[in-house]
């Protein structure tokens, strides 16, 4: 898997990077926001794409 398709997902509550994912940057121009489980907060929270 190429590194230019990889993105990091950061928790909006505790600001920690928990997940890595991939996206097609040619078709999706906006930042990705997913609702995932944060093991540090112990809740389901929004995780947004970081730079």
Protein backbone atom coordinates (compact mmCIF):
# COMPACT_ATOMS: atom_id res chain seq x y z
CA UNK A 1 0.00 0.00 0.00
CA UNK A 2 1.44 3.36 -0.96
CA UNK A 3 2.13 5.94 1.71
CA UNK A 4 0.47 8.80 -0.17
CA UNK A 5 -2.95 7.17 0.30
CA UNK A 6 -2.51 6.70 4.06
CA UNK A 7 -4.14 9.12 6.53
CA UNK A 8 -4.07 9.40 10.34
CA UNK A 9 -7.29 9.72 12.34
CA UNK A 10 -7.24 11.80 15.53
CA UNK A 11 -9.84 11.75 18.33
CA UNK A 12 -11.70 15.05 18.66
CA UNK A 13 -12.03 14.67 22.44
CA UNK A 14 -8.54 13.70 23.65
CA UNK A 15 -6.56 14.70 20.50
CA UNK A 16 -4.67 11.39 20.26
CA UNK A 17 -3.92 9.60 17.00
CA UNK A 18 -5.58 6.18 17.26
CA UNK A 19 -6.19 4.90 13.75
CA UNK A 20 -4.60 4.79 10.32
CA UNK A 21 -6.74 4.51 7.23
CA UNK A 22 -6.54 5.04 3.50
CA UNK A 23 -8.46 7.24 1.10
CA UNK A 24 -8.37 8.25 -2.53
CA UNK A 25 -7.16 11.84 -2.37
CA UNK A 26 -8.05 12.50 -6.01
CA UNK A 27 -11.79 11.93 -5.48
CA UNK A 28 -12.19 12.96 -1.82
CA UNK A 29 -10.92 16.52 -1.34
CA UNK A 30 -12.45 17.20 2.09
CA UNK A 31 -11.12 15.86 5.36
CA UNK A 32 -12.58 12.57 6.47
CA UNK A 33 -14.56 12.31 9.73
CA UNK A 34 -15.48 8.88 11.11
CA UNK A 35 -17.13 7.81 14.36
CA UNK A 36 -14.81 5.25 15.96
CA UNK A 37 -14.00 3.88 19.42
CA UNK A 38 -11.23 5.69 21.32
CA UNK A 39 -9.43 3.41 23.77
CA UNK A 40 -8.09 6.38 25.74
CA UNK A 41 -11.52 8.04 26.24
CA UNK A 42 -13.40 4.70 26.36
CA UNK A 43 -16.16 6.21 24.22
CA UNK A 44 -17.28 6.30 20.61
CA UNK A 45 -16.16 9.69 19.33
CA UNK A 46 -15.60 11.44 16.04
CA UNK A 47 -12.13 10.92 14.59
CA UNK A 48 -10.98 13.43 12.00
CA UNK A 49 -8.20 13.28 9.47
CA UNK A 50 -4.95 15.01 10.40
CA UNK A 51 -2.25 16.41 8.15
